[in-house]
């Protein structure tokens, strides 16, 4: 009998490669001697949906994941994008009745959530049930392991997670713990009555960092070792009926964490023709000051980084156990000196070769260094994500972005010189951002278009964890309508016209990006671009 079964439910828009959460927990639990298995029910459900799906955009071609991979390098980018959008949207439509009820901004409008009614938005419960019953997970679930864990990384997974919890509780009556980024926000923003309803489906929620909590919880339910009161980062319903939240934040020693374990992962179920893994070289954010960041303050501070040797040792050991060709560093942003140290360690490690990787960086004068970026490229760096958000100096200062405008072009030039692709993230609808500000951002993107490969434009959404929500007057926010997840704001006393901003976004900004940068499905464009190029070149 397994001690723990870890699951991830539909619907997550992560169809090309595994997510980081479950492999990280599995590695830690195995290091502590526990028998554990992980299953991505989202990708299994997607495969069940896709098998035999008739594609409209390809004149009735019958699809499967293997067929998609076969077509990946044959089709041109526009056709491939059209194909993916069709199957992704069709998959979404098989899971939910009403898309508008699925996504909730962190903490906004949550007082109206009825936990039990969320299940009513699931469209085909029989299909979800069949995915669970036909999964390899079901064999282990029937043995009634002491603990079952669900990772929830997005609001879209919440309803299906509850549905699976309901099935497991009714048939197996075993203990269930929820975890993951979204589960943490459930603890932060649901009221006591909502949490009581939630605890009809699960026994506890591990919020914030989960490795130590999950290990101790496994020991508790497996052999009665310890007690719930001493398990950090845990929320549960006590025997007396009160909600208990262990709010002190236990921080993991990242240097002592086990390498993520992908040995249970069936990579053939994912759409990517290349085997990709996520990896986190640090926790927290070394900057941690962005006023628009919707990550909880405890999580965006408390920065800890792994030694460069541990990073490379982990990556080599993962490849020995589960071959991969591409790494995506999932850090909020790799600190500049840490980036240099990791690249140096890659360069001197003979076993780290023929690997491609991508990461997110905050633009900095540190990266105006041709030798550094050239070495990163030689050691497999293919793509760098950069969050610019806006080119407007006033707005950059207001949102506490902490980047210098002159470093934007300098960094982009060096990345381009070394043949490293760039993905630039921009925001529209920031507090006090005027129509003129937006159009100047568009002009600057056109001016720098030779240095930028792709642009990801997101509409700013105000949420409770942000500094902007906590101190709205500092950011020219006049009032906040939580029910509609909207806010009114001004610049120099003149109220910003929301309709005008939205009109510019939809009719000018997004068409410009589509035309100049051909930015549809970024991951598809990136994978298609790198093809089968090697790592060290």
Protein backbone atom coordinates (compact mmCIF):
# COMPACT_ATOMS: atom_id res chain seq x y z
CA UNK A 1 0.00 0.00 0.00
CA UNK A 2 1.20 3.48 -0.87
CA UNK A 3 1.40 6.02 1.93
CA UNK A 4 0.33 8.97 -0.22
CA UNK A 5 -1.33 9.44 -3.60
CA UNK A 6 -0.93 12.93 -5.10
CA UNK A 7 -3.33 14.12 -7.81
CA UNK A 8 -3.91 17.14 -10.02
CA UNK A 9 -7.45 17.60 -11.40
CA UNK A 10 -8.86 19.09 -14.63
CA UNK A 11 -9.05 21.78 -15.92
CA UNK A 12 -5.55 23.22 -16.01
CA UNK A 13 -4.34 24.93 -19.15
CA UNK A 14 -1.05 23.04 -18.81
CA UNK A 15 -1.02 20.55 -21.65
CA UNK A 16 2.55 20.62 -22.95
CA UNK A 17 4.55 19.56 -19.88
CA UNK A 18 4.07 18.59 -16.21
CA UNK A 19 3.65 21.22 -13.52
CA UNK A 20 6.27 21.61 -10.80
CA UNK A 21 4.23 21.04 -7.63
CA UNK A 22 3.69 17.27 -7.54
CA UNK A 23 7.21 16.20 -8.58
CA UNK A 24 8.67 18.51 -5.91
CA UNK A 25 6.47 16.97 -3.20
CA UNK A 26 7.13 13.44 -4.41
CA UNK A 27 10.89 13.99 -4.25
CA UNK A 28 10.63 15.27 -0.68
CA UNK A 29 8.34 12.46 0.51
CA UNK A 30 10.54 9.76 -1.04
CA UNK A 31 13.58 11.32 0.62
CA UNK A 32 11.77 10.83 3.93
CA UNK A 33 11.06 7.18 3.23
CA UNK A 34 7.43 7.36 2.11
CA UNK A 35 5.82 5.34 -0.66
CA UNK A 36 4.14 7.84 -2.96
CA UNK A 37 2.68 8.00 -6.47
CA UNK A 38 1.61 11.03 -8.52
CA UNK A 39 -1.00 11.29 -11.27
CA UNK A 40 -1.91 14.22 -13.50
CA UNK A 41 -5.63 13.60 -13.98
CA UNK A 42 -5.85 16.79 -16.05
CA UNK A 43 -3.59 15.45 -18.80
CA UNK A 44 -5.26 12.03 -18.59
CA UNK A 45 -8.69 13.65 -18.99
CA UNK A 46 -7.38 15.69 -21.90
CA UNK A 47 -6.04 12.57 -23.62
CA UNK A 48 -9.40 10.85 -23.17
CA UNK A 49 -11.12 13.86 -24.72
CA UNK A 50 -8.65 14.18 -27.60
CA UNK A 51 -8.62 10.52 -28.60
CA UNK A 52 -10.70 10.39 -31.78
CA UNK A 53 -11.54 14.13 -31.74
CA UNK A 54 -12.39 15.38 -35.25
CA UNK A 55 -10.58 18.63 -36.02
CA UNK A 56 -12.66 21.19 -37.92
CA UNK A 57 -9.71 23.38 -38.95
CA UNK A 58 -7.97 20.42 -40.69
CA UNK A 59 -10.96 19.16 -42.68
CA UNK A 60 -11.97 16.39 -40.34
CA UNK A 61 -8.59 14.94 -39.34
CA UNK A 62 -8.97 12.56 -36.39
CA UNK A 63 -6.64 13.60 -33.62
CA UNK A 64 -4.71 12.17 -30.69
CA UNK A 65 -1.72 13.45 -28.73
CA UNK A 66 0.65 11.37 -30.86
CA UNK A 67 -0.99 12.75 -34.03
CA UNK A 68 -0.62 16.30 -32.72
CA UNK A 69 3.08 15.68 -32.13
CA UNK A 70 3.40 14.24 -35.62
CA UNK A 71 1.83 17.38 -37.10
CA UNK A 72 3.79 19.77 -34.87
CA UNK A 73 6.72 20.35 -37.20
CA UNK A 74 4.77 19.72 -40.40
CA UNK A 75 2.18 22.49 -40.01
CA UNK A 76 2.96 26.19 -40.34
CA UNK A 77 2.72 28.24 -37.15
CA UNK A 78 -0.64 29.87 -37.92
CA UNK A 79 -2.28 26.52 -38.69
CA UNK A 80 -0.75 24.94 -35.60
CA UNK A 81 -2.00 27.81 -33.44
CA UNK A 82 -5.48 27.47 -34.91
CA UNK A 83 -5.40 23.74 -34.24
CA UNK A 84 -4.31 24.15 -30.63
CA UNK A 85 -6.87 26.88 -29.90
CA UNK A 86 -9.63 24.68 -31.29
CA UNK A 87 -8.76 21.63 -29.18
CA UNK A 88 -8.00 23.67 -26.04
CA UNK A 89 -11.32 25.53 -26.21
CA UNK A 90 -13.20 22.35 -27.05
CA UNK A 91 -11.59 20.63 -24.06
CA UNK A 92 -12.54 23.54 -21.81
CA UNK A 93 -16.11 23.33 -23.07
CA UNK A 94 -16.34 19.63 -22.19
CA UNK A 95 -15.51 20.36 -18.56
CA UNK A 96 -17.55 23.49 -17.74
CA UNK A 97 -21.05 24.74 -18.46
CA UNK A 98 -20.28 28.42 -17.88
CA UNK A 99 -16.79 29.82 -18.42
CA UNK A 100 -17.64 33.02 -16.55
CA UNK A 101 -18.08 31.12 -13.29
CA UNK A 102 -14.63 29.54 -13.44
CA UNK A 103 -12.06 32.31 -13.05
CA UNK A 104 -12.03 34.39 -9.90
CA UNK A 105 -9.51 37.14 -9.29
CA UNK A 106 -7.60 36.37 -6.11
CA UNK A 107 -9.82 37.39 -3.24
CA UNK A 108 -12.26 39.55 -5.26
CA UNK A 109 -15.93 38.61 -5.09
CA UNK A 110 -15.26 35.50 -3.05
CA UNK A 111 -17.92 36.31 -0.47
CA UNK A 112 -20.53 35.11 -3.00
CA UNK A 113 -18.93 31.71 -3.61
CA UNK A 114 -21.18 28.79 -2.74
CA UNK A 115 -18.81 25.82 -2.38
CA UNK A 116 -21.49 23.20 -3.04
CA UNK A 117 -22.86 24.95 -6.13
CA UNK A 118 -19.44 24.99 -7.81
CA UNK A 119 -19.99 21.36 -8.74
CA UNK A 120 -23.11 22.35 -10.69
CA UNK A 121 -20.86 24.07 -13.26
CA UNK A 122 -19.22 20.79 -14.25
CA UNK A 123 -20.65 19.68 -17.59
CA UNK A 124 -19.85 15.97 -17.96
CA UNK A 125 -19.41 14.37 -14.55
CA UNK A 126 -19.55 10.89 -16.06
CA UNK A 127 -16.47 11.64 -18.19
CA UNK A 128 -14.63 13.00 -15.14
CA UNK A 129 -15.59 9.88 -13.19
CA UNK A 130 -14.36 7.61 -15.99
CA UNK A 131 -11.03 9.41 -16.07
CA UNK A 132 -10.55 8.68 -12.39
CA UNK A 133 -11.73 5.07 -12.62
CA UNK A 134 -9.54 4.32 -15.65
CA UNK A 135 -6.48 6.07 -14.30
CA UNK A 136 -3.58 4.16 -12.80
CA UNK A 137 -4.36 6.16 -9.67
CA UNK A 138 -7.54 4.17 -9.06
CA UNK A 139 -5.60 0.96 -8.40
CA UNK A 140 -3.80 2.66 -5.53
CA UNK A 141 -6.89 4.51 -4.30
CA UNK A 142 -8.77 1.24 -3.84
CA UNK A 143 -6.11 0.21 -1.32
CA UNK A 144 -7.25 3.15 0.85
CA UNK A 145 -3.93 4.89 1.40
CA UNK A 146 -3.68 6.93 4.63
CA UNK A 147 -3.55 10.22 2.71
CA UNK A 148 -4.59 11.58 -0.68
CA UNK A 149 -3.45 15.02 -1.77
CA UNK A 150 -4.76 17.33 -4.49
CA UNK A 151 -2.65 20.17 -5.89
CA UNK A 152 -4.70 23.16 -7.09
CA UNK A 153 -2.67 25.64 -9.08
CA UNK A 154 -5.55 27.53 -10.71
CA UNK A 155 -9.17 28.40 -10.02
CA UNK A 156 -10.20 26.31 -13.04
CA UNK A 157 -9.21 23.15 -11.15
CA UNK A 158 -11.23 23.88 -8.04
CA UNK A 159 -14.61 22.44 -9.06
CA UNK A 160 -13.20 19.19 -10.49
CA UNK A 161 -11.03 18.79 -7.41
CA UNK A 162 -14.11 19.05 -5.19
CA UNK A 163 -15.92 16.55 -7.40
CA UNK A 164 -13.12 14.01 -7.06
CA UNK A 165 -12.90 14.64 -3.32
CA UNK A 166 -16.62 13.91 -3.04
CA UNK A 167 -16.26 10.60 -4.89
CA UNK A 168 -13.27 9.54 -2.79
CA UNK A 169 -14.90 10.53 0.51
CA UNK A 170 -18.11 8.68 -0.29
CA UNK A 171 -16.44 5.47 -1.51
CA UNK A 172 -13.14 5.27 0.40
CA UNK A 173 -13.53 7.50 3.46
CA UNK A 174 -9.79 8.24 3.52
CA UNK A 175 -8.05 11.50 4.50
CA UNK A 176 -7.68 14.25 1.88
CA UNK A 177 -5.46 17.32 1.92
CA UNK A 178 -5.60 20.20 -0.54
CA UNK A 179 -2.49 22.14 -1.46
CA UNK A 180 -0.97 24.35 -4.14
CA UNK A 181 -1.02 28.07 -4.89
CA UNK A 182 -4.78 28.33 -5.26
CA UNK A 183 -5.45 26.29 -2.13
CA UNK A 184 -3.45 28.83 -0.17
CA UNK A 185 -5.76 31.59 -1.35
CA UNK A 186 -8.76 29.57 -0.20
CA UNK A 187 -7.39 29.83 3.34
CA UNK A 188 -6.70 33.54 2.98
CA UNK A 189 -10.01 34.66 1.47
CA UNK A 190 -12.84 32.22 2.21
CA UNK A 191 -14.87 33.07 5.29
CA UNK A 192 -15.46 30.59 8.12
CA UNK A 193 -18.79 29.34 6.78
CA UNK A 194 -17.27 28.73 3.35
CA UNK A 195 -14.33 26.90 4.90
CA UNK A 196 -16.72 24.72 6.90
CA UNK A 197 -18.46 23.80 3.64
CA UNK A 198 -15.09 23.08 2.06
CA UNK A 199 -14.13 20.73 4.88
CA UNK A 200 -17.05 18.50 3.90
CA UNK A 201 -14.87 17.54 0.92
CA UNK A 202 -11.40 17.47 2.49
CA UNK A 203 -9.80 17.15 5.91
CA UNK A 204 -7.20 19.90 5.79
CA UNK A 205 -5.44 22.44 3.58
CA UNK A 206 -1.67 22.76 3.40
CA UNK A 207 -1.05 26.38 2.49
CA UNK A 208 2.13 28.31 1.75
CA UNK A 209 5.08 25.90 1.39
CA UNK A 210 3.98 22.29 1.65
CA UNK A 211 6.92 19.87 1.88
CA UNK A 212 7.29 19.76 5.67
CA UNK A 213 3.55 19.96 6.27
CA UNK A 214 2.83 17.07 3.90
CA UNK A 215 5.59 14.91 5.34
CA UNK A 216 4.37 15.42 8.93
CA UNK A 217 0.75 14.95 7.86
CA UNK A 218 1.68 11.64 6.24
CA UNK A 219 3.40 10.51 9.45
CA UNK A 220 0.34 11.54 11.47
CA UNK A 221 -2.21 9.67 9.35
CA UNK A 222 0.08 6.70 8.66
CA UNK A 223 1.16 5.80 12.19
CA UNK A 224 -0.30 8.43 14.55
CA UNK A 225 3.04 10.20 14.95
CA UNK A 226 2.80 13.77 16.24
CA UNK A 227 -0.37 15.87 16.23
CA UNK A 228 -2.11 18.26 13.88
CA UNK A 229 -1.52 21.18 16.23
CA UNK A 230 2.24 20.94 15.60
CA UNK A 231 2.12 20.72 11.81
CA UNK A 232 3.02 24.07 10.22
CA UNK A 233 1.22 25.77 7.32
CA UNK A 234 -1.98 23.81 7.97
CA UNK A 235 -5.67 24.71 8.12
CA UNK A 236 -8.28 22.24 9.38
CA UNK A 237 -11.53 21.80 11.29
CA UNK A 238 -10.82 20.89 14.91
CA UNK A 239 -12.72 18.25 16.89
CA UNK A 240 -14.56 21.10 18.62
CA UNK A 241 -15.74 22.44 15.26
CA UNK A 242 -13.53 25.53 15.09
CA UNK A 243 -11.41 26.54 12.09
CA UNK A 244 -7.71 26.26 12.89
CA UNK A 245 -5.14 28.16 10.82
CA UNK A 246 -1.45 27.80 11.59
CA UNK A 247 -0.56 31.23 10.28
CA UNK A 248 3.14 31.25 11.19
CA UNK A 249 5.01 30.70 7.94
CA UNK A 250 7.35 27.71 7.92
CA UNK A 251 10.06 28.30 5.34
CA UNK A 252 11.79 25.34 3.75
CA UNK A 253 15.59 25.19 3.64
CA UNK A 254 15.86 25.04 -0.15
CA UNK A 255 19.39 23.64 0.00
CA UNK A 256 18.06 20.53 1.78
CA UNK A 257 15.09 19.88 -0.50
CA UNK A 258 15.23 16.77 -2.64
CA UNK A 259 15.36 17.10 -6.40
CA UNK A 260 11.90 16.95 -8.00
CA UNK A 261 10.94 13.40 -8.97
CA UNK A 262 9.44 12.89 -12.44
CA UNK A 263 9.84 9.11 -12.59
CA UNK A 264 6.07 8.48 -12.36
CA UNK A 265 5.29 11.00 -15.11
CA UNK A 266 4.15 9.68 -18.48
CA UNK A 267 5.59 12.37 -20.75
CA UNK A 268 3.93 10.78 -23.79
CA UNK A 269 0.60 12.18 -22.61
CA UNK A 270 1.75 15.80 -23.07
CA UNK A 271 1.58 17.78 -26.30
CA UNK A 272 5.17 18.98 -26.40
CA UNK A 273 7.33 17.13 -28.93
CA UNK A 274 10.26 17.89 -26.63
CA UNK A 275 10.42 16.51 -23.11
CA UNK A 276 10.23 19.56 -20.84
CA UNK A 277 10.53 19.84 -17.07
CA UNK A 278 9.96 22.77 -14.70
CA UNK A 279 12.60 23.53 -12.07
CA UNK A 280 12.81 26.14 -9.30
CA UNK A 281 16.29 27.41 -8.38
CA UNK A 282 14.99 29.75 -5.66
CA UNK A 283 11.91 30.56 -3.61
CA UNK A 284 10.41 33.92 -2.90
CA UNK A 285 11.27 36.97 -4.97
CA UNK A 286 14.58 38.75 -4.53
CA UNK A 287 12.88 42.03 -5.49
CA UNK A 288 9.47 41.55 -3.86
CA UNK A 289 8.32 45.16 -4.22
CA UNK A 290 6.07 45.27 -7.31
CA UNK A 291 2.84 46.95 -6.25
CA UNK A 292 0.75 44.98 -8.77
CA UNK A 293 2.01 41.54 -7.71
CA UNK A 294 -0.84 39.28 -6.57
CA UNK A 295 1.42 36.84 -4.75
CA UNK A 296 1.00 36.81 -0.98
CA UNK A 297 3.61 39.00 0.75
CA UNK A 298 5.08 36.07 2.68
CA UNK A 299 5.68 34.28 -0.61
CA UNK A 300 7.08 37.19 -2.58
CA UNK A 301 9.57 38.00 0.16
CA UNK A 302 11.61 35.47 2.17
CA UNK A 303 13.92 34.99 -0.80
CA UNK A 304 16.11 31.88 -0.63
CA UNK A 305 18.30 30.52 -3.39
CA UNK A 306 19.84 27.10 -3.94
CA UNK A 307 23.58 26.92 -4.40
CA UNK A 308 24.55 26.72 -8.06
CA UNK A 309 26.09 23.30 -7.42
CA UNK A 310 22.80 21.97 -6.00
CA UNK A 311 20.91 23.39 -8.99
CA UNK A 312 23.11 21.60 -11.50
CA UNK A 313 23.36 18.42 -9.41
CA UNK A 314 19.55 18.31 -9.23
CA UNK A 315 19.19 18.82 -12.98
CA UNK A 316 21.74 16.15 -13.81
CA UNK A 317 20.13 13.66 -11.40
CA UNK A 318 16.67 14.36 -12.84
CA UNK A 319 17.96 13.76 -16.36
CA UNK A 320 19.60 10.50 -15.27
CA UNK A 321 16.26 9.31 -13.84
CA UNK A 322 13.85 10.88 -16.37
CA UNK A 323 15.43 12.04 -19.59
CA UNK A 324 14.50 15.57 -20.68
CA UNK A 325 15.76 17.99 -23.33
CA UNK A 326 14.41 21.28 -22.00
CA UNK A 327 14.24 23.02 -18.62
CA UNK A 328 12.00 25.92 -17.74
CA UNK A 329 13.17 27.72 -14.58
CA UNK A 330 9.97 28.62 -12.74
CA UNK A 331 11.51 31.16 -10.32
CA UNK A 332 9.68 34.47 -10.01
CA UNK A 333 12.92 35.85 -11.43
CA UNK A 334 16.49 34.60 -11.15
CA UNK A 335 18.58 37.09 -9.15
CA UNK A 336 21.37 38.52 -11.37
CA UNK A 337 24.34 37.20 -9.37
CA UNK A 338 22.60 33.83 -8.99
CA UNK A 339 22.14 33.73 -12.77
CA UNK A 340 25.87 34.28 -13.23
CA UNK A 341 26.72 31.56 -10.70
CA UNK A 342 24.35 29.04 -12.30
CA UNK A 343 25.70 29.73 -15.78
CA UNK A 344 29.28 29.34 -14.52
CA UNK A 345 28.35 26.02 -12.90
CA UNK A 346 26.70 24.84 -16.12
CA UNK A 347 29.81 25.75 -18.05
CA UNK A 348 32.18 23.71 -15.92
CA UNK A 349 29.91 20.67 -15.52
CA UNK A 350 30.71 18.08 -18.19
CA UNK A 351 27.46 16.22 -17.54
CA UNK A 352 25.31 19.27 -18.23
CA UNK A 353 25.14 19.33 -22.02
CA UNK A 354 22.72 19.17 -24.93
CA UNK A 355 20.10 20.83 -22.75
CA UNK A 356 17.98 23.84 -23.66
CA UNK A 357 16.54 26.13 -21.03
CA UNK A 358 14.49 29.25 -20.46
CA UNK A 359 13.97 31.55 -17.49
CA UNK A 360 12.46 34.82 -16.29
CA UNK A 361 14.74 37.75 -15.49
CA UNK A 362 14.23 41.28 -14.19
CA UNK A 363 16.05 43.63 -16.55
CA UNK A 364 19.19 45.01 -14.96
CA UNK A 365 22.53 46.63 -15.81
CA UNK A 366 24.01 43.29 -14.69
CA UNK A 367 22.86 41.76 -17.97
CA UNK A 368 24.57 44.42 -20.11
CA UNK A 369 27.43 41.92 -20.17
CA UNK A 370 28.15 40.25 -23.46
CA UNK A 371 30.49 37.65 -21.96
CA UNK A 372 27.85 36.51 -19.46
CA UNK A 373 25.01 36.29 -21.97
CA UNK A 374 27.28 34.59 -24.53
CA UNK A 375 28.20 31.96 -21.94
CA UNK A 376 24.51 31.46 -21.07
CA UNK A 377 23.74 30.93 -24.75
CA UNK A 378 26.62 28.48 -25.15
CA UNK A 379 25.19 26.47 -22.27
CA UNK A 380 21.71 26.18 -23.72
CA UNK A 381 19.79 29.37 -22.88
CA UNK A 382 17.17 29.73 -25.62
CA UNK A 383 14.55 32.09 -24.20
CA UNK A 384 14.42 34.84 -21.60
CA UNK A 385 11.10 36.14 -20.23
CA UNK A 386 11.20 39.78 -19.15
CA UNK A 387 8.45 41.72 -17.41
CA UNK A 388 8.55 45.30 -18.67
CA UNK A 389 4.84 46.06 -18.06
CA UNK A 390 5.14 49.65 -19.40
CA UNK A 391 7.83 51.97 -20.76
CA UNK A 392 6.33 54.95 -18.92
CA UNK A 393 8.80 56.21 -16.30
CA UNK A 394 6.04 57.63 -14.05
CA UNK A 395 4.15 54.34 -14.05
CA UNK A 396 7.27 52.22 -13.56
CA UNK A 397 8.07 54.25 -10.47
CA UNK A 398 4.50 54.10 -9.19
CA UNK A 399 4.21 50.31 -9.54
CA UNK A 400 7.67 49.88 -7.94
CA UNK A 401 8.98 47.87 -10.85
CA UNK A 402 12.56 48.84 -10.05
CA UNK A 403 13.95 48.72 -13.58
CA UNK A 404 15.81 51.45 -15.43
CA UNK A 405 14.37 52.35 -18.84
CA UNK A 406 17.84 52.59 -20.39
CA UNK A 407 18.57 48.97 -19.36
CA UNK A 408 15.55 47.72 -21.32
CA UNK A 409 17.05 48.38 -24.72
CA UNK A 410 20.59 47.50 -23.59
CA UNK A 411 19.55 44.07 -22.29
CA UNK A 412 17.38 43.33 -25.32
CA UNK A 413 20.26 44.20 -27.66
CA UNK A 414 22.65 41.79 -25.94
CA UNK A 415 20.06 38.99 -25.86
CA UNK A 416 19.45 39.52 -29.58
CA UNK A 417 23.18 39.63 -30.38
CA UNK A 418 23.58 36.22 -28.74
CA UNK A 419 20.59 34.70 -30.51
CA UNK A 420 18.51 34.31 -27.35
CA UNK A 421 14.78 34.70 -27.91
CA UNK A 422 12.87 37.19 -25.79
CA UNK A 423 9.31 37.23 -24.52
CA UNK A 424 8.24 40.64 -23.20
CA UNK A 425 5.30 40.94 -20.79
CA UNK A 426 3.24 44.14 -20.93
CA UNK A 427 0.25 45.35 -18.90
CA UNK A 428 -2.68 47.47 -20.01
CA UNK A 429 -5.19 49.13 -17.70
CA UNK A 430 -2.81 49.93 -14.84
CA UNK A 431 -4.13 52.43 -12.28
CA UNK A 432 -3.73 55.98 -13.66
CA UNK A 433 -2.57 54.69 -17.07
CA UNK A 434 -4.03 57.00 -19.70
CA UNK A 435 -4.88 56.38 -23.34
CA UNK A 436 -1.83 58.43 -24.31
CA UNK A 437 0.39 56.31 -22.03
CA UNK A 438 -0.84 53.13 -23.72
CA UNK A 439 -0.28 54.42 -27.23
CA UNK A 440 3.27 55.48 -26.32
CA UNK A 441 3.91 51.94 -25.06
CA UNK A 442 2.71 50.68 -28.44
CA UNK A 443 5.07 53.07 -30.23
CA UNK A 444 8.01 51.91 -28.13
CA UNK A 445 7.24 48.26 -28.86
CA UNK A 446 7.28 49.04 -32.59
CA UNK A 447 10.61 50.87 -32.21
CA UNK A 448 12.14 47.87 -30.42
CA UNK A 449 10.42 45.23 -32.54
CA UNK A 450 13.71 44.04 -34.10
CA UNK A 451 14.94 43.16 -30.60
CA UNK A 452 11.76 41.42 -29.33
CA UNK A 453 10.48 38.05 -30.49
CA UNK A 454 7.15 37.80 -28.70
CA UNK A 455 4.94 40.04 -26.59
CA UNK A 456 2.43 38.86 -24.00
CA UNK A 457 -0.15 41.55 -23.25
CA UNK A 458 -2.26 41.12 -20.12
CA UNK A 459 -5.07 43.28 -18.83
CA UNK A 460 -4.30 44.43 -15.29
CA UNK A 461 -6.59 42.88 -12.69
CA UNK A 462 -6.71 44.27 -9.17
CA UNK A 463 -6.64 41.61 -6.47
CA UNK A 464 -6.50 41.58 -2.69
CA UNK A 465 -2.89 40.44 -2.16
CA UNK A 466 -1.53 43.50 -4.03
CA UNK A 467 -0.17 46.67 -2.46
CA UNK A 468 -2.52 48.54 -4.77
CA UNK A 469 -5.52 46.99 -3.06
CA UNK A 470 -4.14 47.65 0.44
CA UNK A 471 -3.34 51.31 -0.20
CA UNK A 472 -5.48 52.34 -3.19
CA UNK A 473 -5.07 56.09 -2.72
CA UNK A 474 -1.31 55.80 -3.34
CA UNK A 475 -2.05 54.45 -6.81
CA UNK A 476 -4.76 56.92 -7.85
CA UNK A 477 -7.52 54.36 -7.23
CA UNK A 478 -10.75 56.10 -6.28
CA UNK A 479 -12.94 53.15 -5.36
CA UNK A 480 -13.07 49.37 -5.75
CA UNK A 481 -16.12 47.34 -6.74
CA UNK A 482 -15.25 43.88 -5.43
CA UNK A 483 -18.41 42.21 -6.65
CA UNK A 484 -17.65 43.09 -10.28
CA UNK A 485 -13.87 42.93 -9.76
CA UNK A 486 -13.50 46.48 -11.10
CA UNK A 487 -12.03 49.79 -9.90
CA UNK A 488 -12.18 53.45 -10.86
CA UNK A 489 -9.02 55.55 -11.01
CA UNK A 490 -7.65 58.89 -12.16
CA UNK A 491 -4.57 60.74 -13.35
CA UNK A 492 -4.08 64.33 -12.18
CA UNK A 493 -7.68 64.38 -10.99
CA UNK A 494 -9.13 63.32 -14.35
CA UNK A 495 -11.06 60.07 -14.15
CA UNK A 496 -9.82 57.35 -16.51
CA UNK A 497 -12.43 56.22 -19.03
CA UNK A 498 -12.49 52.42 -18.72
CA UNK A 499 -14.40 51.94 -21.99
CA UNK A 500 -11.81 53.96 -23.88
CA UNK A 501 -8.93 51.94 -22.41
CA UNK A 502 -10.63 48.64 -23.23
CA UNK A 503 -11.39 49.85 -26.76
CA UNK A 504 -7.71 50.75 -27.34
CA UNK A 505 -6.64 47.40 -25.96
CA UNK A 506 -8.95 45.32 -28.14
CA UNK A 507 -8.95 47.37 -31.35
CA UNK A 508 -5.44 48.83 -31.41
CA UNK A 509 -3.01 47.21 -28.96
CA UNK A 510 -3.77 43.51 -29.43
CA UNK A 511 -4.07 43.75 -33.25
CA UNK A 512 -0.69 45.51 -33.27
CA UNK A 513 0.93 42.72 -31.26
CA UNK A 514 -0.63 40.03 -33.44
CA UNK A 515 0.59 41.78 -36.58
CA UNK A 516 4.11 42.76 -35.53
CA UNK A 517 5.06 39.88 -33.22
CA UNK A 518 2.78 37.05 -34.40
CA UNK A 519 2.10 36.31 -30.74
CA UNK A 520 -0.66 33.73 -30.54
CA UNK A 521 0.38 30.66 -28.60
CA UNK A 522 3.79 31.62 -27.27
CA UNK A 523 4.89 28.16 -26.20
CA UNK A 524 4.01 26.67 -29.57
CA UNK A 525 5.89 29.42 -31.38
CA UNK A 526 8.90 28.94 -29.13
CA UNK A 527 9.02 25.15 -29.43
CA UNK A 528 8.56 25.33 -33.17
CA UNK A 529 11.34 27.90 -33.42
CA UNK A 530 13.96 25.99 -31.45
CA UNK A 531 13.09 22.75 -33.24
CA UNK A 532 15.72 20.16 -32.51
CA UNK A 533 18.68 22.50 -31.91
CA UNK A 534 21.17 21.27 -29.33
CA UNK A 535 22.12 22.78 -25.97
CA UNK A 536 25.83 23.60 -25.86
CA UNK A 537 26.70 25.01 -29.27
